[in-house]
Amino acid sequence: MARSERVRISRERLLPRSDIEALIAKGSKLVIVDGRVLLTNAWLPYHPGGDKAILHMVGRDGTNEVKAFHSSETQQFMLKYQIGRIDGQWKDFLPPIQGGIFRTTDEQRASPSGIFETPSVEQEAFSEQDSSEEPSPIFEPADLAEHHLRHRRGSTGVASDSSATSLSDLELDGEAALPEKPDTGELRTQQELQHDLDLYPSLDPVTQAEIIIKYKQLDRRVRDEKLYDCNYSAYAIELLRYTFLALSSLYLLRAQHFALSALFLGLLWHQLVFTVHDAGHMGITHNFHIDSCISIFVADFLGGLSACWWKHNHNVHHIVTNSAEHDPDIQHMPFFAISHRFFDSLRSTYYDRIMTYDPVAKFMLKYQHYMYYPILTFGRFNLYVLSWQYILFGIGPRKGPAWWHRYLEMAGQIFFWYWFGYLVIYKSIPDGWNRFIYVMISHAVTMPVHVQITLSHFAMSTADLGVAESFPQRMLRTTMDVDCPPWLDFVHGGLQFQAVHHLFPRMPRHNLRRAQKLVMGFCEDVGIPYALYGFVEGNEKVIGRLGEVAKQARILAECQRSITVKNVLDGH
């Protein structure tokens, strides 16, 4: 039998769940896509979106996320890394990066539940990997199936007593209201979990499978209505707007109206972010290289920010949205916390470090609802730092189709700081005070973008319903849309349709409003609440959430202080 035929047959073999678990225990990064088992180890260092996006899908069925993030050509390319198939509906494992524990073959045999349908294929899987094959150029999956909810219920005892007192219900004035031990929020975690279990569709496999079927039908309707096709005439209008803002800033700079020039430059940066977002999701030309170049040119050369850093960060955000431990978009310690769980010094799997609830965090979080807008005013400066770290430390892929992105971004950073730092700030502005004013105004004007980015998630659920929750339900549970009239769409740049965008990340932003009506119908059909708020109302909800967590932080501090005083008085 020819080698190619043997490989084909090998790739079509059925792999029992026990063997897949054993392979993962040995270090295989296995992802299930359309019933196929893909061994992703070889392309981890090649993935333009970073390895973290793949690691969060190990042991899971990533069919929906793979299809949402990738072209059909890329999906076909992935098949060369198939090492087998599964039979029937897959029940997800909790990925190792999220704390999942896997047993080797020997450990399974030693366990009463270690039952094997076929001989182990641990060594065969690695031998089948052809080292001469090129790894996949674009792979950034994510999805669903079983869950560890039963374990969570067993360990936390989900509260069923509606009269139970939560941490935020305790009074600050009066030590009689303070508990003997500072509760870090386990009861509140139980209440939030129960709230989502009551509000959203059941997590049983039949219900979640029905949601997935209808989501696929929704995707077909979206494609039939050609909502994945980019509206290039709309981009022609965008280019006219960008040109007007750029020329206005330049004219005012030469006329020495520095504050107004900075204002128009900031407005230009604000608008350019939306194009970077589209291109980063391959939503303009749908060609990986062309859209990557567009995003790098706009973000790095014109804005001084790393498009590749953003994509590395953003892909993970789309997969584990609003997860306190895993989603970098809600990990802003010590300045913001949208969940009491950050009081426990959680470990970020994205940054690979402990988000310490230290004295700085204890102070800042008590006032975070007051500091929300002032801190976001300086958000662009933080993005510079994150961009430089990504580029200089070589965090992105150094192999594969995206190996040259780092060097293009380096060139972009040099170009940006030459035209902005040297030609504009140093050469065109005569004194230090006006330079300072120019920098601060141009950067502060971009603050609404940071508000928009946080607005769609900060007020939404951070509860972990486990791996049983389907991709569409999780996206809609953790994301909200912002209502606005169509004539204001250019101000929001598509970011007001985040719920729609999370379901269809490659959809060009000019089509999101049309898709919103279809998504609303889908939500009504499957019984998932659709979160839609006005801009002001959405901001109120975010401030309310921050204020609630700030109150919990103050109560926790009072609890700890009370215990310390009590121990001192008792002579401990």
Protein backbone atom coordinates (compact mmCIF):
# COMPACT_ATOMS: atom_id res chain seq x y z
CA MET A 1 0.00 0.00 0.00
CA ALA A 2 1.36 3.43 -0.93
CA ARG A 3 2.44 5.72 1.89
CA SER A 4 -0.12 8.40 0.97
CA GLU A 5 -2.89 5.78 1.14
CA ARG A 6 -1.69 4.58 4.55
CA VAL A 7 -1.65 8.16 5.84
CA ARG A 8 -5.16 8.75 4.49
CA ILE A 9 -6.51 5.63 6.17
CA SER A 10 -4.68 6.52 9.39
CA ARG A 11 -6.23 9.96 9.42
CA GLU A 12 -9.71 8.47 9.07
CA ARG A 13 -9.37 6.06 12.00
CA LEU A 14 -11.73 6.49 14.94
CA LEU A 15 -10.05 7.74 18.10
CA PRO A 16 -11.80 6.90 21.36
CA ARG A 17 -12.12 9.62 23.97
CA SER A 18 -9.66 7.83 26.25
CA ASP A 19 -6.92 7.95 23.62
CA ILE A 20 -7.53 11.63 22.92
CA GLU A 21 -7.25 12.34 26.64
CA ALA A 22 -4.02 10.34 26.84
CA LEU A 23 -2.54 12.21 23.87
CA ILE A 24 -3.33 15.56 25.46
CA ALA A 25 -1.80 14.35 28.73
CA LYS A 26 1.40 13.66 26.79
CA GLY A 27 1.45 17.18 25.34
CA SER A 28 -0.56 16.90 22.11
CA LYS A 29 -2.59 20.02 21.34
CA LEU A 30 -5.68 18.35 19.88
CA VAL A 31 -8.69 20.28 18.60
CA ILE A 32 -11.89 18.78 17.19
CA VAL A 33 -13.23 20.37 13.99
CA ASP A 34 -16.18 18.87 12.10
CA GLY A 35 -15.59 15.50 13.74
CA ARG A 36 -11.90 15.52 12.78
CA VAL A 37 -9.10 15.40 15.33
CA LEU A 38 -6.40 17.95 14.47
CA LEU A 39 -2.92 17.85 15.98
CA THR A 40 -1.97 21.53 16.21
CA ASN A 41 1.49 21.30 17.82
CA ALA A 42 3.34 21.98 14.57
CA TRP A 43 1.57 25.23 13.76
CA LEU A 44 1.53 26.79 17.24
CA PRO A 45 4.65 28.91 16.55
CA TYR A 46 3.35 29.83 13.08
CA HIS A 47 -0.09 31.08 14.02
CA PRO A 48 -0.36 34.82 13.23
CA GLY A 49 -2.91 35.26 15.99
CA GLY A 50 -0.68 33.70 18.63
CA ASP A 51 -0.61 30.32 20.33
CA LYS A 52 -2.95 31.28 23.19
CA ALA A 53 -5.97 31.25 20.89
CA ILE A 54 -5.26 27.62 20.01
CA LEU A 55 -4.36 26.55 23.56
CA HIS A 56 -7.80 27.61 24.79
CA MET A 57 -9.35 25.14 22.35
CA VAL A 58 -7.33 22.03 23.24
CA GLY A 59 -9.66 19.12 23.94
CA ARG A 60 -12.69 21.00 22.67
CA ASP A 61 -14.88 21.02 19.61
CA GLY A 62 -13.81 24.20 17.86
CA THR A 63 -15.97 23.83 14.76
CA ASN A 64 -18.02 26.99 15.20
CA GLU A 65 -15.08 29.20 16.12
CA VAL A 66 -12.90 27.87 13.32
CA LYS A 67 -15.60 28.57 10.77
CA ALA A 68 -16.28 32.01 12.25
CA PHE A 69 -12.61 33.07 12.13
CA HIS A 70 -11.28 31.40 8.99
CA SER A 71 -11.80 31.28 5.27
CA SER A 72 -12.84 28.04 3.59
CA GLU A 73 -9.34 27.80 2.06
CA THR A 74 -7.71 27.88 5.49
CA GLN A 75 -10.17 25.33 6.81
CA GLN A 76 -9.21 22.98 3.98
CA PHE A 77 -5.53 23.54 4.69
CA MET A 78 -6.03 22.43 8.29
CA LEU A 79 -7.10 18.97 7.18
CA LYS A 80 -3.52 17.91 6.48
CA TYR A 81 -3.03 17.88 10.27
CA GLN A 82 -5.85 15.45 10.86
CA ILE A 83 -4.79 12.37 12.83
CA GLY A 84 -8.17 10.72 13.23
CA ARG A 85 -11.90 11.16 13.68
CA ILE A 86 -14.41 10.97 16.50
CA ASP A 87 -17.68 9.07 16.48
CA GLY A 88 -20.81 10.86 17.65
CA GLN A 89 -21.20 14.11 19.56
CA TRP A 90 -18.07 15.30 21.32
CA LYS A 91 -18.07 16.26 24.99
CA ASP A 92 -15.52 18.95 25.61
CA PHE A 93 -12.61 18.66 27.98
CA LEU A 94 -11.52 21.68 29.98
CA PRO A 95 -8.31 22.80 28.18
CA PRO A 96 -5.03 22.41 30.11
CA ILE A 97 -4.40 26.16 29.96
CA GLN A 98 -7.67 26.62 31.88
CA GLY A 99 -6.77 24.04 34.51
CA GLY A 100 -8.01 20.86 32.85
CA ILE A 101 -6.39 17.66 34.14
CA PHE A 102 -5.70 14.80 31.72
CA ARG A 103 -4.69 11.21 32.38
CA THR A 104 -2.12 9.20 30.46
CA THR A 105 -2.86 5.67 29.31
CA ASP A 106 -1.34 4.14 32.43
CA GLU A 107 -3.21 6.51 34.71
CA GLN A 108 -6.49 5.67 33.00
CA ARG A 109 -5.83 1.94 33.37
CA ALA A 110 -5.17 2.46 37.05
CA SER A 111 -8.47 4.30 37.37
CA PRO A 112 -11.80 2.43 37.69
CA SER A 113 -13.13 4.56 34.83
CA GLY A 114 -10.20 3.92 32.55
CA ILE A 115 -11.89 1.92 29.78
CA PHE A 116 -10.24 1.60 26.38
CA GLU A 117 -12.05 0.77 23.19
CA THR A 118 -8.86 0.39 21.11
CA PRO A 119 -5.12 0.16 21.70
CA SER A 120 -3.36 3.43 22.55
CA VAL A 121 -2.30 5.70 19.68
CA GLU A 122 -0.10 8.06 21.72
CA GLN A 123 3.08 7.26 19.86
CA GLU A 124 1.32 6.83 16.50
CA ALA A 125 -0.04 10.36 16.55
CA PHE A 126 3.41 11.86 16.76
CA SER A 127 4.85 9.52 14.16
CA GLU A 128 2.06 10.41 11.74
CA GLN A 129 3.03 14.09 11.88
CA ASP A 130 4.98 14.67 8.67
CA SER A 131 7.80 17.09 9.51
CA SER A 132 8.14 18.07 5.85
CA GLU A 133 4.64 19.53 5.77
CA GLU A 134 4.21 23.28 6.15
CA PRO A 135 2.15 24.29 9.18
CA SER A 136 -1.14 26.12 8.84
CA PRO A 137 -0.72 29.83 8.19
CA ILE A 138 -3.88 31.09 9.87
CA PHE A 139 -5.53 29.18 12.68
CA GLU A 140 -7.37 30.81 15.55
CA PRO A 141 -10.17 28.55 16.81
CA ALA A 142 -12.67 28.41 19.74
CA ASP A 143 -15.84 26.46 20.92
CA LEU A 144 -18.00 24.27 23.16
CA ALA A 145 -19.57 20.95 24.31
CA GLU A 146 -19.52 19.29 27.79
CA HIS A 147 -18.97 21.23 31.01
CA HIS A 148 -17.61 21.27 34.55
CA LEU A 149 -20.74 22.93 35.91
CA ARG A 150 -21.67 19.89 37.99
CA HIS A 151 -18.26 20.07 39.63
CA ARG A 152 -18.72 23.76 40.33
CA ARG A 153 -22.11 23.15 41.87
CA GLY A 154 -20.72 20.44 44.02
CA SER A 155 -17.80 22.51 45.23
CA THR A 156 -19.56 25.83 45.70
CA GLY A 157 -23.10 24.80 46.52
CA VAL A 158 -25.10 27.13 44.31
CA ALA A 159 -27.27 29.29 46.55
CA SER A 160 -30.97 28.53 46.38
CA ASP A 161 -32.01 30.59 49.40
CA SER A 162 -33.18 33.94 48.10
CA SER A 163 -32.85 35.42 51.58
CA ALA A 164 -29.11 34.82 51.68
CA THR A 165 -27.05 37.95 52.31
CA SER A 166 -24.47 38.89 49.66
CA LEU A 167 -21.23 40.68 50.37
CA SER A 168 -22.49 43.99 48.97
CA ASP A 169 -25.55 43.90 51.25
CA LEU A 170 -23.42 44.36 54.36
CA GLU A 171 -23.29 47.82 55.87
CA LEU A 172 -20.07 49.78 56.19
CA ASP A 173 -21.05 51.66 59.36
CA GLY A 174 -21.12 49.37 62.33
CA GLU A 175 -18.90 46.44 63.13
CA ALA A 176 -21.92 44.32 63.99
CA ALA A 177 -22.55 43.95 60.25
CA LEU A 178 -19.04 42.73 59.56
CA PRO A 179 -18.43 38.97 59.32
CA GLU A 180 -15.79 37.28 61.43
CA LYS A 181 -13.88 36.39 58.27
CA PRO A 182 -13.62 38.55 55.13
CA ASP A 183 -15.71 36.78 52.50
CA THR A 184 -13.94 37.23 49.17
CA GLY A 185 -17.18 36.64 47.29
CA GLU A 186 -17.92 32.92 47.03
CA LEU A 187 -21.58 33.53 47.79
CA ARG A 188 -21.72 36.28 45.16
CA THR A 189 -20.09 33.92 42.64
CA GLN A 190 -22.83 31.40 43.35
CA GLN A 191 -25.52 34.05 42.96
CA GLU A 192 -24.13 35.30 39.64
CA LEU A 193 -23.89 31.76 38.36
CA GLN A 194 -27.45 30.98 39.38
CA HIS A 195 -28.66 34.23 37.80
CA ASP A 196 -27.26 33.22 34.41
CA LEU A 197 -28.54 29.65 34.73
CA ASP A 198 -32.02 31.04 35.34
CA LEU A 199 -31.89 33.72 32.63
CA TYR A 200 -30.35 31.82 29.71
CA PRO A 201 -31.30 28.56 27.96
CA SER A 202 -30.53 25.28 29.66
CA LEU A 203 -27.03 23.88 29.30
CA ASP A 204 -28.28 20.37 28.56
CA PRO A 205 -26.78 18.91 25.35
CA VAL A 206 -30.08 18.85 23.45
CA THR A 207 -30.81 22.54 24.04
CA GLN A 208 -27.29 23.66 23.24
CA ALA A 209 -27.17 21.47 20.12
CA GLU A 210 -30.41 23.08 18.92
CA ILE A 211 -28.87 26.54 19.42
CA ILE A 212 -25.86 25.51 17.35
CA ILE A 213 -28.07 24.17 14.55
CA LYS A 214 -30.01 27.43 14.39
CA TYR A 215 -26.79 29.45 14.56
CA LYS A 216 -25.55 27.56 11.50
CA GLN A 217 -28.83 28.32 9.75
CA LEU A 218 -28.36 31.97 10.66
CA ASP A 219 -24.85 31.89 9.21
CA ARG A 220 -26.18 30.45 5.93
CA ARG A 221 -28.77 33.22 5.73
CA VAL A 222 -26.06 35.82 6.38
CA ARG A 223 -24.01 34.37 3.54
CA ASP A 224 -27.02 34.20 1.23
CA GLU A 225 -27.62 37.90 1.83
CA LYS A 226 -23.93 38.53 1.02
CA LEU A 227 -23.25 40.23 4.33
CA TYR A 228 -19.66 38.97 4.26
CA ASP A 229 -19.01 41.03 1.12
CA CYS A 230 -17.21 44.29 1.85
CA ASN A 231 -18.97 47.50 0.85
CA TYR A 232 -16.08 49.24 -0.91
CA SER A 233 -18.13 52.32 -1.73
CA ALA A 234 -18.56 52.83 2.01
CA TYR A 235 -14.79 52.64 2.36
CA ALA A 236 -14.42 55.29 -0.33
CA ILE A 237 -16.41 57.58 1.96
CA GLU A 238 -14.20 56.54 4.88
CA LEU A 239 -11.09 57.52 2.91
CA LEU A 240 -12.57 60.94 2.17
CA ARG A 241 -13.24 61.41 5.88
CA TYR A 242 -9.69 60.36 6.79
CA THR A 243 -8.22 62.69 4.19
CA PHE A 244 -10.29 65.63 5.44
CA LEU A 245 -9.20 65.07 9.05
CA ALA A 246 -5.53 64.66 8.11
CA LEU A 247 -5.42 67.76 5.89
CA SER A 248 -7.30 69.81 8.48
CA SER A 249 -4.81 68.83 11.16
CA LEU A 250 -1.87 69.69 8.89
CA TYR A 251 -3.32 73.07 7.88
CA LEU A 252 -4.04 74.05 11.48
CA LEU A 253 -0.56 72.94 12.54
CA ARG A 254 1.06 75.17 9.95
CA ALA A 255 -1.24 78.00 11.00
CA GLN A 256 0.00 77.39 14.57
CA HIS A 257 -3.47 76.58 15.90
CA PHE A 258 -1.92 73.75 17.85
CA ALA A 259 -4.87 72.74 20.00
CA LEU A 260 -7.23 72.51 17.02
CA SER A 261 -4.62 70.64 14.99
CA ALA A 262 -4.26 68.12 17.83
CA LEU A 263 -8.04 67.78 17.99
CA PHE A 264 -8.29 66.82 14.31
CA LEU A 265 -5.34 64.44 14.58
CA GLY A 266 -7.02 62.71 17.53
CA LEU A 267 -10.24 62.43 15.54
CA LEU A 268 -8.28 60.86 12.69
CA TRP A 269 -6.74 58.27 15.02
CA HIS A 270 -10.20 57.60 16.45
CA GLN A 271 -11.56 56.82 12.98
CA LEU A 272 -8.57 54.78 11.85
CA VAL A 273 -9.08 52.31 14.70
CA PHE A 274 -12.22 51.04 12.98
CA THR A 275 -10.35 50.20 9.78
CA VAL A 276 -7.66 48.37 11.76
CA HIS A 277 -10.40 46.37 13.47
CA ASP A 278 -11.93 45.38 10.13
CA ALA A 279 -8.59 44.50 8.54
CA GLY A 280 -7.43 42.60 11.63
CA HIS A 281 -10.44 40.32 11.21
CA MET A 282 -9.77 40.03 7.46
CA GLY A 283 -13.06 41.80 6.83
CA ILE A 284 -11.96 44.13 4.01
CA THR A 285 -10.45 42.02 1.22
CA HIS A 286 -10.67 38.66 3.06
CA ASN A 287 -7.08 38.06 1.95
CA PHE A 288 -4.75 37.40 4.85
CA HIS A 289 -1.68 39.18 3.47
CA ILE A 290 -3.51 42.19 2.02
CA ASP A 291 -5.63 42.81 5.11
CA SER A 292 -2.59 42.29 7.36
CA CYS A 293 -0.68 44.95 5.43
CA ILE A 294 -3.65 47.33 5.65
CA SER A 295 -3.91 46.88 9.42
CA ILE A 296 -0.15 47.31 9.95
CA PHE A 297 0.08 50.37 7.69
CA VAL A 298 -2.83 52.09 9.41
CA ALA A 299 -2.06 51.04 12.99
CA ASP A 300 1.75 51.25 13.04
CA PHE A 301 2.70 53.76 10.36
CA LEU A 302 -0.16 56.21 11.00
CA GLY A 303 -1.06 55.49 14.62
CA GLY A 304 2.07 54.18 16.35
CA LEU A 305 0.28 51.08 17.66
CA SER A 306 0.98 47.42 16.91
CA ALA A 307 -1.71 45.79 14.79
CA CYS A 308 -0.19 42.37 15.47
CA TRP A 309 -0.25 42.90 19.24
CA TRP A 310 -3.91 43.83 18.97
CA LYS A 311 -4.70 40.70 16.95
CA HIS A 312 -2.79 38.47 19.38
CA ASN A 313 -4.80 39.98 22.23
CA HIS A 314 -8.12 40.25 20.44
CA ASN A 315 -8.29 36.66 19.22
CA VAL A 316 -8.09 35.37 22.78
CA HIS A 317 -10.74 37.88 23.82
CA HIS A 318 -13.12 36.49 21.19
CA ILE A 319 -12.61 32.92 22.39
CA VAL A 320 -12.87 33.36 26.18
CA THR A 321 -14.94 36.55 26.29
CA ASN A 322 -15.34 38.05 29.77
CA SER A 323 -13.49 35.25 31.52
CA ALA A 324 -11.76 36.82 34.51
CA GLU A 325 -8.76 34.47 34.30
CA HIS A 326 -8.39 34.30 30.53
CA ASP A 327 -9.77 37.36 28.70
CA PRO A 328 -7.09 40.11 28.51
CA ASP A 329 -9.71 42.71 27.58
CA ILE A 330 -11.11 42.71 31.12
CA GLN A 331 -7.78 42.30 32.94
CA HIS A 332 -6.90 45.84 33.96
CA MET A 333 -5.59 45.41 37.48
CA PRO A 334 -4.79 47.46 39.50
CA PHE A 335 -7.01 50.12 37.90
CA PHE A 336 -10.25 48.28 37.08
CA ALA A 337 -12.01 45.10 38.16
CA ILE A 338 -15.47 44.17 36.89
CA SER A 339 -15.77 41.15 39.17
CA HIS A 340 -15.14 40.51 42.86
CA ARG A 341 -13.12 37.48 41.75
CA PHE A 342 -10.17 39.77 41.04
CA PHE A 343 -9.89 40.23 44.82
CA ASP A 344 -8.47 36.69 44.92
CA SER A 345 -5.32 37.64 42.95
CA LEU A 346 -6.24 35.56 39.92
CA ARG A 347 -3.64 34.26 37.51
CA SER A 348 -3.96 35.58 33.97
CA THR A 349 -3.36 32.82 31.44
CA TYR A 350 -2.83 35.48 28.76
CA TYR A 351 -0.15 37.51 30.56
CA ASP A 352 1.09 34.43 32.45
CA ARG A 353 1.27 36.27 35.77
CA ILE A 354 -0.68 36.82 38.95
CA MET A 355 -2.96 39.88 38.90
CA THR A 356 -2.12 40.73 42.47
CA TYR A 357 -4.71 42.39 44.66
CA ASP A 358 -2.00 44.51 46.24
CA PRO A 359 -2.23 47.78 48.23
CA VAL A 360 -2.34 49.83 45.01
CA ALA A 361 -5.26 47.77 43.69
CA LYS A 362 -7.03 47.89 47.06
CA PHE A 363 -6.91 51.67 46.94
CA MET A 364 -7.67 52.19 43.23
CA LEU A 365 -10.57 49.76 42.98
CA LYS A 366 -12.48 51.51 45.75
CA TYR A 367 -12.74 54.55 43.49
CA GLN A 368 -12.71 52.91 40.05
CA HIS A 369 -16.18 54.18 39.09
CA TYR A 370 -14.93 57.73 39.58
CA MET A 371 -11.66 57.08 37.77
CA TYR A 372 -13.15 55.26 34.76
CA TYR A 373 -13.21 58.16 32.30
CA PRO A 374 -10.03 59.91 33.54
CA ILE A 375 -7.99 56.70 33.23
CA LEU A 376 -9.39 55.90 29.79
CA THR A 377 -8.31 59.37 28.70
CA PHE A 378 -4.73 58.10 28.95
CA GLY A 379 -5.52 54.70 27.41
CA ARG A 380 -3.51 55.31 24.25
CA PHE A 381 -0.26 55.67 26.21
CA ASN A 382 -0.78 52.20 27.67
CA LEU A 383 -1.29 50.83 24.16
CA TYR A 384 2.11 52.22 23.15
CA VAL A 385 3.75 50.25 25.95
CA LEU A 386 1.92 47.02 25.09
CA SER A 387 2.81 47.49 21.42
CA TRP A 388 6.51 48.01 22.13
CA GLN A 389 6.63 44.99 24.42
CA TYR A 390 5.06 42.82 21.74
CA ILE A 391 7.41 43.98 18.98
CA LEU A 392 10.69 44.27 20.90
CA PHE A 393 10.29 41.04 22.89
CA GLY A 394 9.33 39.07 19.78
CA ILE A 395 6.08 37.76 21.24
CA GLY A 396 4.55 37.20 17.82
CA PRO A 397 5.33 34.35 15.40
CA ARG A 398 8.85 34.31 13.96
CA LYS A 399 8.09 31.57 11.46
CA GLY A 400 5.49 30.92 8.82
CA PRO A 401 3.58 33.41 6.66
CA ALA A 402 3.60 36.13 9.34
CA TRP A 403 7.32 36.05 10.17
CA TRP A 404 7.92 39.40 8.45
CA HIS A 405 5.14 41.23 10.27
CA ARG A 406 7.42 42.06 13.19
CA TYR A 407 9.95 43.78 10.95
CA LEU A 408 7.27 45.65 9.03
CA GLU A 409 5.92 46.86 12.36
CA MET A 410 9.38 47.97 13.43
CA ALA A 411 9.60 50.04 10.27
CA GLY A 412 6.12 51.39 10.99
CA GLN A 413 7.11 52.45 14.50
CA ILE A 414 10.20 54.26 13.22
CA PHE A 415 8.13 56.01 10.55
CA PHE A 416 5.44 57.04 13.05
CA TRP A 417 7.81 58.51 15.61
CA TYR A 418 9.69 60.30 12.85
CA TRP A 419 6.65 62.07 11.43
CA PHE A 420 4.77 62.54 14.72
CA GLY A 421 7.53 62.78 17.31
CA TYR A 422 10.13 64.63 15.23
CA LEU A 423 8.40 66.50 12.40
CA VAL A 424 5.19 67.42 14.24
CA ILE A 425 6.04 67.67 17.94
CA TYR A 426 9.69 68.72 17.81
CA LYS A 427 10.07 70.64 14.54
CA SER A 428 6.62 72.22 14.10
CA ILE A 429 5.83 73.31 17.67
CA PRO A 430 8.13 75.95 19.16
CA ASP A 431 7.95 75.41 22.92
CA GLY A 432 7.57 72.69 25.51
CA TRP A 433 4.18 73.76 26.86
CA ASN A 434 2.49 73.71 23.46
CA ARG A 435 4.13 70.36 22.72
CA PHE A 436 2.69 68.98 25.92
CA ILE A 437 -0.76 70.37 25.12
CA TYR A 438 -0.62 68.96 21.59
CA VAL A 439 0.28 65.45 22.79
CA MET A 440 -2.33 65.44 25.54
CA ILE A 441 -5.20 66.72 23.38
CA SER A 442 -4.47 64.44 20.43
CA HIS A 443 -4.35 61.41 22.71
CA ALA A 444 -7.28 62.36 24.95
CA VAL A 445 -9.58 62.80 21.94
CA THR A 446 -9.28 59.06 21.26
CA MET A 447 -10.82 58.26 24.66
CA PRO A 448 -14.29 57.41 23.21
CA VAL A 449 -12.75 54.40 21.46
CA HIS A 450 -11.62 53.00 24.80
CA VAL A 451 -15.08 53.66 26.22
CA GLN A 452 -16.67 51.82 23.29
CA ILE A 453 -14.35 48.84 23.66
CA THR A 454 -15.10 48.43 27.37
CA LEU A 455 -18.76 49.43 27.08
CA SER A 456 -19.84 46.24 25.32
CA HIS A 457 -18.38 43.90 27.95
CA PHE A 458 -17.77 45.57 31.31
CA ALA A 459 -21.46 45.48 32.27
CA MET A 460 -22.05 41.95 31.02
CA SER A 461 -21.76 38.60 32.78
CA THR A 462 -18.39 37.23 33.90
CA ALA A 463 -19.86 34.00 35.24
CA ASP A 464 -18.28 30.78 33.98
CA LEU A 465 -20.97 28.38 32.85
CA GLY A 466 -18.42 25.78 31.79
CA VAL A 467 -17.62 24.12 28.50
CA ALA A 468 -21.21 22.94 27.99
CA GLU A 469 -22.23 26.42 26.87
CA SER A 470 -22.39 26.84 23.11
CA PHE A 471 -20.35 29.43 21.24
CA PRO A 472 -23.32 31.62 20.23
CA GLN A 473 -24.85 31.59 23.70
CA ARG A 474 -21.59 32.58 25.39
CA MET A 475 -20.99 35.40 22.92
CA LEU A 476 -24.49 36.82 23.45
CA ARG A 477 -24.35 36.37 27.23
CA THR A 478 -21.10 38.29 27.61
CA THR A 479 -21.57 41.01 24.97
CA MET A 480 -24.03 43.82 24.40
CA ASP A 481 -24.89 46.09 21.49
CA VAL A 482 -25.24 49.85 21.72
CA ASP A 483 -28.26 51.43 20.06
CA CYS A 484 -27.75 54.52 17.94
CA PRO A 485 -29.32 56.08 14.82
CA PRO A 486 -27.77 55.06 11.48
CA TRP A 487 -26.34 58.54 10.84
CA LEU A 488 -24.13 58.09 13.94
CA ASP A 489 -22.66 54.77 12.80
CA PHE A 490 -19.49 56.48 11.57
CA VAL A 491 -18.83 57.76 15.11
CA HIS A 492 -19.08 54.27 16.63
CA GLY A 493 -17.35 52.59 13.69
CA GLY A 494 -19.19 49.28 14.03
CA LEU A 495 -18.10 48.79 17.63
CA GLN A 496 -21.70 49.43 18.69
CA PHE A 497 -22.64 46.05 17.16
CA GLN A 498 -20.33 43.93 19.31
CA ALA A 499 -22.85 41.15 19.91
CA VAL A 500 -23.32 40.74 16.15
CA HIS A 501 -19.58 41.06 15.59
CA HIS A 502 -18.78 38.32 18.12
CA LEU A 503 -21.08 35.94 16.26
CA PHE A 504 -19.64 36.90 12.85
CA PRO A 505 -16.15 38.37 13.44
CA ARG A 506 -15.17 38.46 9.74
CA MET A 507 -18.24 40.46 8.70
CA PRO A 508 -17.34 43.98 7.43
CA ARG A 509 -18.61 46.63 9.79
CA HIS A 510 -20.80 48.38 7.23
CA ASN A 511 -23.01 45.28 7.09
CA LEU A 512 -23.45 44.79 10.84
CA ARG A 513 -26.61 46.89 11.10
CA ARG A 514 -28.36 44.70 8.53
CA ALA A 515 -27.17 41.58 10.31
CA GLN A 516 -28.42 42.88 13.65
CA LYS A 517 -32.05 42.31 12.66
CA LEU A 518 -31.27 38.69 11.78
CA VAL A 519 -29.47 38.17 15.09
CA MET A 520 -32.43 39.61 17.00
CA GLY A 521 -34.70 37.08 15.28
CA PHE A 522 -32.26 34.29 16.14
CA CYS A 523 -32.20 35.32 19.81
CA GLU A 524 -35.99 35.38 19.98
CA ASP A 525 -36.14 31.95 18.37
CA VAL A 526 -33.68 30.25 20.74
CA GLY A 527 -34.63 32.18 23.89
CA ILE A 528 -31.33 34.01 24.45
CA PRO A 529 -31.80 37.55 25.82
CA TYR A 530 -30.39 40.13 23.41
CA ALA A 531 -28.65 42.97 25.25
CA LEU A 532 -29.23 46.30 23.53
CA TYR A 533 -28.83 49.62 25.32
CA GLY A 534 -28.51 53.25 24.34
CA PHE A 535 -25.07 54.81 24.65
CA VAL A 536 -25.96 56.73 27.82
CA GLU A 537 -27.76 53.77 29.38
CA GLY A 538 -24.85 51.49 28.52
CA ASN A 539 -22.41 53.87 30.21
CA GLU A 540 -24.65 53.97 33.27
CA LYS A 541 -24.58 50.18 33.46
CA VAL A 542 -20.78 50.11 33.21
CA ILE A 543 -20.39 52.75 35.91
CA GLY A 544 -22.94 50.86 37.99
CA ARG A 545 -20.95 47.62 37.68
CA LEU A 546 -17.70 49.38 38.56
CA GLY A 547 -19.41 51.07 41.49
CA GLU A 548 -20.80 47.75 42.74
CA VAL A 549 -17.37 46.11 42.68
CA ALA A 550 -15.87 49.23 44.31
CA LYS A 551 -18.40 48.88 47.12
CA GLN A 552 -17.41 45.25 47.57
CA ALA A 553 -13.76 46.31 47.72
CA ARG A 554 -14.55 48.83 50.46
CA ILE A 555 -16.51 46.25 52.43
CA LEU A 556 -13.71 43.72 52.10
CA ALA A 557 -11.22 46.30 53.34
CA GLU A 558 -13.45 47.06 56.33
CA CYS A 559 -13.77 43.34 57.06
CA GLN A 560 -10.01 42.89 57.00
CA ARG A 561 -9.45 45.97 59.15
CA SER A 562 -12.03 44.78 61.67
CA ILE A 563 -10.41 41.36 61.93
CA THR A 564 -6.97 42.91 62.37
CA VAL A 565 -8.24 45.15 65.17
CA LYS A 566 -10.03 42.23 66.81
CA ASN A 567 -6.90 40.08 66.70
CA VAL A 568 -4.83 42.86 68.24
CA LEU A 569 -7.36 43.33 71.05
CA ASP A 570 -7.45 39.59 71.64
CA GLY A 571 -3.68 39.50 71.86
CA HIS A 572 -3.12 37.37 68.74
